[in-house]
Protein backbone atom coordinates (compact mmCIF):
# COMPACT_ATOMS: atom_id res chain seq x y z
CA MET A 1 0.15 -0.10 -0.25
CA THR A 2 1.38 3.35 -0.96
CA ARG A 3 1.73 5.74 2.14
CA LEU A 4 1.29 9.40 1.80
CA LEU A 5 2.59 11.71 4.78
CA VAL A 6 0.32 14.46 5.10
CA TYR A 7 2.92 17.39 6.88
CA LEU A 8 1.20 20.69 7.43
CA PRO A 9 2.05 22.07 10.89
CA MET A 10 0.94 25.77 10.37
CA LEU A 11 -2.31 24.74 9.02
CA PRO A 12 -5.44 24.96 11.16
CA GLU A 13 -6.43 21.38 12.20
CA ALA A 14 -9.37 21.85 10.77
CA ASP A 15 -8.14 21.92 6.97
CA ARG A 16 -5.58 19.22 8.03
CA GLY A 17 -8.65 16.85 8.33
CA ARG A 18 -10.03 17.77 5.28
CA CYS A 19 -7.46 17.28 3.30
CA CYS A 20 -6.76 13.74 4.82
CA ASP A 21 -10.46 12.88 4.49
CA PHE A 22 -10.54 13.58 0.80
CA LEU A 23 -7.81 11.96 0.27
CA ARG A 24 -8.93 8.83 2.06
CA ARG A 25 -12.23 9.02 -0.07
CA GLU A 26 -10.71 9.46 -3.25
CA PHE A 27 -8.17 7.07 -3.06
CA PRO A 28 -9.18 3.93 -0.70
CA ALA A 29 -5.64 2.24 -1.25
CA LEU A 30 -3.63 5.03 -0.49
CA ARG A 31 -2.37 5.14 3.75
CA VAL A 32 -2.74 8.59 5.01
CA ASP A 33 -0.42 9.26 7.92
CA LEU A 34 -0.72 12.70 9.40
CA ALA A 35 1.49 14.69 11.72
CA ALA A 36 1.17 18.11 13.05
CA ARG A 37 4.23 18.24 14.68
CA LEU A 38 8.04 17.29 14.59
CA GLU A 39 7.85 14.59 17.03
CA ALA A 40 4.99 12.99 15.63
CA ILE A 41 6.20 12.25 12.18
CA GLU A 42 7.93 8.87 13.34
CA PRO A 43 7.70 6.40 12.27
CA ALA A 44 5.91 7.54 9.12
CA ILE A 45 8.36 9.71 7.45
CA GLY A 46 10.34 6.63 7.09
CA GLU A 47 7.98 4.80 5.31
CA ALA A 48 6.36 7.70 3.06
CA GLU A 49 6.17 7.66 -0.57
CA ILE A 50 4.63 11.06 -1.16
CA LEU A 51 4.85 14.21 1.40
CA MET A 52 2.38 16.81 1.50
CA THR A 53 3.79 19.67 2.91
CA PHE A 54 4.63 23.40 2.51
CA GLY A 55 8.60 24.34 2.07
CA ALA A 56 7.83 26.61 4.75
CA HIS A 57 6.30 24.12 7.11
CA LEU A 58 9.73 21.84 6.83
CA GLY A 59 11.66 25.33 7.30
CA LEU A 60 15.11 24.83 9.13
CA ASP A 61 14.02 21.01 9.69
CA ALA A 62 13.52 20.49 6.43
CA GLU A 63 17.23 18.48 6.15
CA SER A 64 16.63 16.71 8.60
CA ILE A 65 13.45 15.24 7.59
CA LEU A 66 13.98 14.66 4.11
CA GLY A 67 17.11 12.79 5.64
CA ARG A 68 14.82 10.27 6.86
CA ALA A 69 12.47 9.66 3.95
CA ARG A 70 14.23 6.71 2.85
CA LYS A 71 11.32 5.55 0.45
CA LEU A 72 10.02 9.03 -0.63
CA LYS A 73 9.30 9.38 -4.44
CA TRP A 74 7.38 12.98 -4.20
CA VAL A 75 6.72 15.37 -2.75
CA MET A 76 3.88 17.56 -2.88
CA ALA A 77 4.03 20.98 -2.30
CA LEU A 78 0.64 22.77 -1.54
CA GLY A 79 2.05 26.24 -2.02
CA THR A 80 4.04 28.15 -4.89
CA GLY A 81 7.34 27.95 -2.97
CA VAL A 82 9.62 24.96 -3.23
CA ASP A 83 12.65 26.40 -0.97
CA HIS A 84 13.09 24.39 1.77
CA ILE A 85 12.64 21.16 -0.67
CA VAL A 86 14.47 21.12 -4.06
CA GLU A 87 17.83 22.80 -2.70
CA VAL A 88 17.86 20.38 0.36
CA PRO A 89 21.00 18.24 0.17
CA THR A 90 19.21 14.95 1.67
CA LEU A 91 16.13 15.11 -0.70
CA PRO A 92 16.47 11.68 -3.17
CA GLN A 93 17.60 13.02 -6.13
CA ASP A 94 15.06 10.83 -8.39
CA ALA A 95 12.13 12.29 -6.17
CA ILE A 96 9.21 14.45 -8.26
CA VAL A 97 8.40 17.70 -6.87
CA THR A 98 5.29 19.57 -7.62
CA ASN A 99 3.66 22.73 -6.12
CA MET A 100 0.61 24.72 -6.82
CA HIS A 101 1.65 27.33 -9.58
CA GLY A 102 -0.99 29.52 -11.07
CA MET A 103 -3.62 29.55 -8.04
CA HIS A 104 -2.42 32.63 -5.97
CA GLY A 105 -2.99 35.70 -8.50
CA VAL A 106 -6.07 36.62 -6.68
CA PRO A 107 -5.57 36.43 -2.78
CA MET A 108 -2.01 37.20 -3.14
CA THR A 109 -3.03 40.69 -5.41
CA GLU A 110 -5.44 41.64 -2.55
CA ALA A 111 -3.17 41.07 0.35
CA THR A 112 -0.71 43.28 -1.60
CA ILE A 113 -3.18 45.77 -1.83
CA LEU A 114 -4.27 45.42 1.63
CA ALA A 115 -0.59 46.06 2.87
CA MET A 116 -0.20 48.79 0.49
CA LEU A 117 -3.27 50.49 2.15
CA ALA A 118 -2.47 49.83 5.91
CA LEU A 119 0.74 51.28 5.47
CA ALA A 120 -0.46 54.22 3.70
CA ARG A 121 -3.22 55.15 5.44
CA GLU A 122 -1.48 54.04 8.83
CA MET A 123 -3.63 51.34 10.47
CA PRO A 124 -1.63 50.35 12.86
CA ARG A 125 -1.76 54.21 14.12
CA MET A 126 -5.57 54.12 14.27
CA LEU A 127 -6.65 50.81 16.03
CA ARG A 128 -3.41 52.20 18.46
CA ASN A 129 -5.83 55.43 19.05
CA GLN A 130 -9.22 52.98 19.21
CA GLY A 131 -7.29 50.81 21.68
CA ALA A 132 -6.68 54.27 23.87
CA HIS A 133 -9.81 55.77 23.15
CA HIS A 134 -7.66 58.67 21.74
CA TRP A 135 -9.36 60.69 18.87
CA GLU A 136 -6.50 61.86 16.44
CA ARG A 137 -7.05 63.19 12.72
CA TYR A 138 -4.56 63.06 10.63
CA GLY A 139 -3.58 63.00 6.97
CA SER A 140 -2.76 59.99 5.50
CA HIS A 141 -1.58 58.91 2.11
CA LEU A 142 -3.07 58.13 -0.98
CA LEU A 143 -1.58 55.31 -3.42
CA ALA A 144 -3.33 57.24 -6.68
CA GLY A 145 -0.24 58.56 -8.19
CA LYS A 146 2.33 56.75 -6.14
CA THR A 147 5.16 54.07 -8.04
CA VAL A 148 4.82 50.64 -6.70
CA GLY A 149 7.80 48.29 -7.88
CA ILE A 150 7.36 44.42 -8.04
CA PHE A 151 10.02 42.62 -7.44
CA GLY A 152 9.66 38.98 -9.38
CA VAL A 153 7.61 39.14 -12.29
CA GLY A 154 5.74 36.14 -12.44
CA ALA A 155 1.69 34.93 -12.51
CA ILE A 156 1.02 36.81 -8.93
CA ALA A 157 2.86 40.12 -10.55
CA GLU A 158 1.12 40.14 -13.83
CA ALA A 159 -2.50 39.30 -12.05
CA LEU A 160 -1.49 42.74 -9.61
CA ALA A 161 0.17 45.09 -11.83
CA PRO A 162 -2.93 45.80 -13.47
CA VAL A 163 -5.40 46.25 -10.20
CA CYS A 164 -2.13 48.79 -9.30
CA LYS A 165 -2.65 50.59 -12.50
CA ALA A 166 -6.61 50.92 -12.12
CA LEU A 167 -5.95 52.56 -8.25
CA GLY A 168 -4.07 54.83 -10.34
CA MET A 169 0.09 54.06 -9.81
CA THR A 170 2.90 53.34 -11.81
CA VAL A 171 3.67 50.05 -11.97
CA ILE A 172 7.53 49.05 -12.24
CA GLY A 173 8.81 45.67 -12.63
CA ILE A 174 12.16 44.20 -11.68
CA THR A 175 13.14 40.76 -12.84
CA SER A 176 15.67 38.58 -14.31
CA ALA A 177 13.70 37.70 -17.28
CA LYS A 178 13.33 41.44 -18.67
CA ARG A 179 10.04 41.44 -21.42
CA PRO A 180 6.53 43.11 -21.93
CA VAL A 181 4.01 42.50 -19.78
CA ALA A 182 0.74 43.52 -19.50
CA GLY A 183 0.27 45.88 -16.57
CA PHE A 184 3.49 47.45 -16.18
CA ASP A 185 4.79 50.73 -17.22
CA ARG A 186 8.43 49.48 -17.33
CA MET A 187 11.10 47.06 -16.51
CA TYR A 188 14.16 47.14 -14.37
CA ASP A 189 16.94 43.64 -14.52
CA ARG A 190 17.24 42.09 -10.99
CA ALA A 191 21.03 43.24 -11.15
CA GLU A 192 19.52 47.06 -11.17
CA LEU A 193 17.31 46.47 -8.00
CA ALA A 194 19.50 49.34 -6.18
CA ARG A 195 18.53 51.92 -9.20
CA ALA A 196 15.05 50.97 -8.93
CA VAL A 197 13.88 50.81 -5.89
CA ALA A 198 15.07 54.83 -5.53
CA GLU A 199 12.00 55.60 -7.40
CA LEU A 200 9.17 53.32 -5.45
CA ASP A 201 7.10 54.27 -2.78
CA HIS A 202 5.92 50.82 -2.48
CA PHE A 203 8.16 47.95 -2.71
CA VAL A 204 6.73 44.42 -3.66
CA ILE A 205 8.58 41.60 -2.86
CA LEU A 206 7.39 39.07 -5.04
CA THR A 207 10.45 36.86 -6.14
CA PRO A 208 11.44 33.23 -5.55
CA HIS A 209 13.82 32.60 -2.78
CA THR A 210 16.76 31.18 -4.15
CA PRO A 211 20.63 31.32 -3.59
CA GLN A 212 20.87 34.45 -6.37
CA THR A 213 18.06 36.26 -4.29
CA ASP A 214 19.23 35.47 -0.63
CA ARG A 215 19.16 38.25 1.45
CA CYS A 216 19.56 40.39 -1.33
CA VAL A 217 17.22 43.14 -0.17
CA GLY A 218 20.19 44.09 2.43
CA LYS A 219 21.50 47.37 3.81
CA THR A 220 22.60 48.97 0.00
CA VAL A 221 18.74 48.36 -1.19
CA LEU A 222 17.28 49.49 1.98
CA ALA A 223 19.36 52.79 1.41
CA ALA A 224 18.50 53.26 -2.15
CA MET A 225 14.91 53.60 -0.68
CA LYS A 226 12.59 57.01 -0.04
CA PRO A 227 12.71 57.40 3.54
CA THR A 228 8.77 57.90 2.69
CA ALA A 229 8.79 54.42 1.17
CA PHE A 230 7.25 51.36 2.41
CA LEU A 231 8.45 47.54 1.82
CA ILE A 232 6.10 44.87 1.38
CA ASN A 233 7.33 41.09 1.52
CA LEU A 234 4.84 38.45 0.74
CA ALA A 235 7.68 36.11 -0.75
CA ARG A 236 9.94 34.46 1.58
CA GLY A 237 12.01 35.75 4.66
CA GLY A 238 15.13 34.97 3.73
CA ILE A 239 14.91 37.18 0.58
CA VAL A 240 15.56 40.15 3.04
CA ASP A 241 18.28 40.42 5.47
CA GLU A 242 16.18 41.27 8.40
CA ALA A 243 19.11 42.28 10.56
CA ALA A 244 19.45 45.38 7.79
CA LEU A 245 15.83 45.99 7.50
CA ILE A 246 15.21 46.09 11.49
CA GLU A 247 18.64 48.77 11.92
CA ALA A 248 16.69 50.56 8.43
CA LEU A 249 13.09 50.94 10.55
CA ARG A 250 14.28 52.22 13.86
CA ALA A 251 16.47 54.64 12.09
CA ARG A 252 13.48 55.73 10.04
CA ARG A 253 15.00 55.49 6.60
CA ILE A 254 11.89 53.98 5.41
CA ALA A 255 8.47 54.87 6.21
CA GLY A 256 7.60 51.03 7.30
CA ALA A 257 7.25 47.59 6.17
CA ALA A 258 4.28 44.89 5.72
CA LEU A 259 5.72 41.32 6.01
CA ASP A 260 4.01 38.31 5.77
CA VAL A 261 7.06 35.95 6.01
CA PHE A 262 10.03 35.13 7.70
CA VAL A 263 13.73 33.63 8.29
CA GLN A 264 12.27 31.90 10.71
CA GLU A 265 8.75 30.70 11.39
CA PRO A 266 6.40 31.00 13.42
CA LEU A 267 8.42 34.14 14.28
CA PRO A 268 9.65 33.79 17.73
CA PRO A 269 7.98 36.00 20.44
CA GLU A 270 11.20 37.45 21.22
CA HIS A 271 11.61 38.64 17.56
CA PRO A 272 12.02 42.58 17.02
CA PHE A 273 9.24 43.21 14.61
CA TRP A 274 7.00 42.34 17.16
CA GLU A 275 7.45 45.53 19.12
CA MET A 276 8.26 47.93 16.09
CA ASP A 277 5.41 50.72 15.73
CA ASN A 278 6.09 51.16 11.74
CA VAL A 279 5.84 47.09 11.03
CA ILE A 280 2.50 45.10 10.12
CA LEU A 281 3.29 41.42 10.79
CA SER A 282 1.37 38.26 9.20
CA PRO A 283 1.77 34.77 9.93
CA HIS A 284 2.28 33.73 6.10
CA ILE A 285 -0.82 33.84 5.21
CA GLY A 286 -0.88 35.89 2.13
CA ALA A 287 -2.29 33.63 -0.40
CA PHE A 288 -3.76 31.29 2.52
CA ASN A 289 -7.55 31.76 2.30
CA ALA A 290 -10.82 29.98 3.98
CA ASP A 291 -11.38 27.90 0.83
CA TYR A 292 -7.53 27.40 0.14
CA VAL A 293 -8.11 23.44 0.91
CA GLU A 294 -10.85 23.38 -1.69
CA GLN A 295 -8.68 25.22 -4.29
CA VAL A 296 -5.76 23.23 -4.15
CA LEU A 297 -7.32 19.60 -3.49
CA PRO A 298 -8.34 19.50 -7.52
CA PHE A 299 -4.54 19.78 -8.02
CA VAL A 300 -3.91 17.07 -5.73
CA LYS A 301 -6.33 14.85 -7.11
CA GLN A 302 -5.41 15.01 -10.77
CA ASN A 303 -1.34 14.64 -10.16
CA LEU A 304 -2.08 11.51 -7.67
CA ALA A 305 -4.59 10.00 -10.38
CA CYS A 306 -1.36 10.35 -13.00
CA TYR A 307 1.29 8.70 -10.02
CA PHE A 308 -1.06 6.40 -9.55
CA ALA A 309 -1.44 5.28 -12.88
CA GLY A 310 2.05 5.74 -14.19
CA ASP A 311 1.15 8.74 -16.24
CA PHE A 312 4.06 11.07 -14.65
CA ASP A 313 4.53 13.40 -18.01
CA LYS A 314 0.71 14.29 -17.40
CA MET A 315 1.59 15.52 -13.98
CA VAL A 316 0.81 19.25 -13.77
CA ASN A 317 3.16 22.06 -11.66
CA VAL A 318 6.19 19.82 -12.22
CA VAL A 319 9.26 21.40 -10.53
CA LYS A 320 11.86 18.55 -10.55
CA LYS A 321 11.14 15.41 -12.78
CA GLY A 322 11.55 12.18 -11.26
CA ALA A 323 13.56 9.15 -12.02
CA HIS A 324 10.42 8.12 -14.03
CA HIS A 325 9.87 11.01 -16.17
CA GLY A 326 10.28 10.91 -19.75
CA ARG A 327 10.16 6.85 -19.64
């Protein structure tokens, strides 16, 4: 019997349950094991042929977890990012890796607009005043007429850019593959990042975390930003040098930041970000929503059906091909 391990420690319990119920109902021949925390993965990880997870959920334990998955043939990432999976040296070389590419444009666009509006309208200040029963009127900022830069021009950025244009913003793309894309006014190459951010009012990070983008938003880039500019990171924490960002925020060298992703997740309670009045935090929920499980399950069903039929070349969203591809 094929064994599949569901390891989703940061997903709500009800969502984990819906995933398992679906798998058992649709694929009765599949043995489904569930681990909601690291301590619970034994002995299932050693027998799992398929691992359903998020790269961010593996996190700093990825090398250890994948190193114990001695029978692993497929990692099914339920998000777009495959960091903490594909680059991990203990991942079996012949294992397939798939993700959920192409379904995050709408939720990530809404999350980005929320972040930009909350920063521009000083939402934390409103909430602090509400908590103190303090009536204070002040002039907040508009998005109309401002310039937004989107670092990482993929499917999500292609959905976001036209919405920003509809709000009256100038939209700049920063990418490793310069090309005309609808909704963008102009493009910069990734090598020009420090020059590009100098004209931005909102700097939105959507690029994948790779060795090339690791901590690429550091002191040099942050120093090039306007003191009135905001940084929004909805991609991966490792893209930003967190120590440099903390320093820039404390010194008010940039106006503020909205952060959904972090180097260490969950964010430790002692982390300085929690206490900063010019930072808005969210717990890695940019693309996550109440209907997320229902949105991913059709992809899960299709790929599992192909896997059991041996039609590996018909699997969708394959990020890393396995030993059986092309045979």
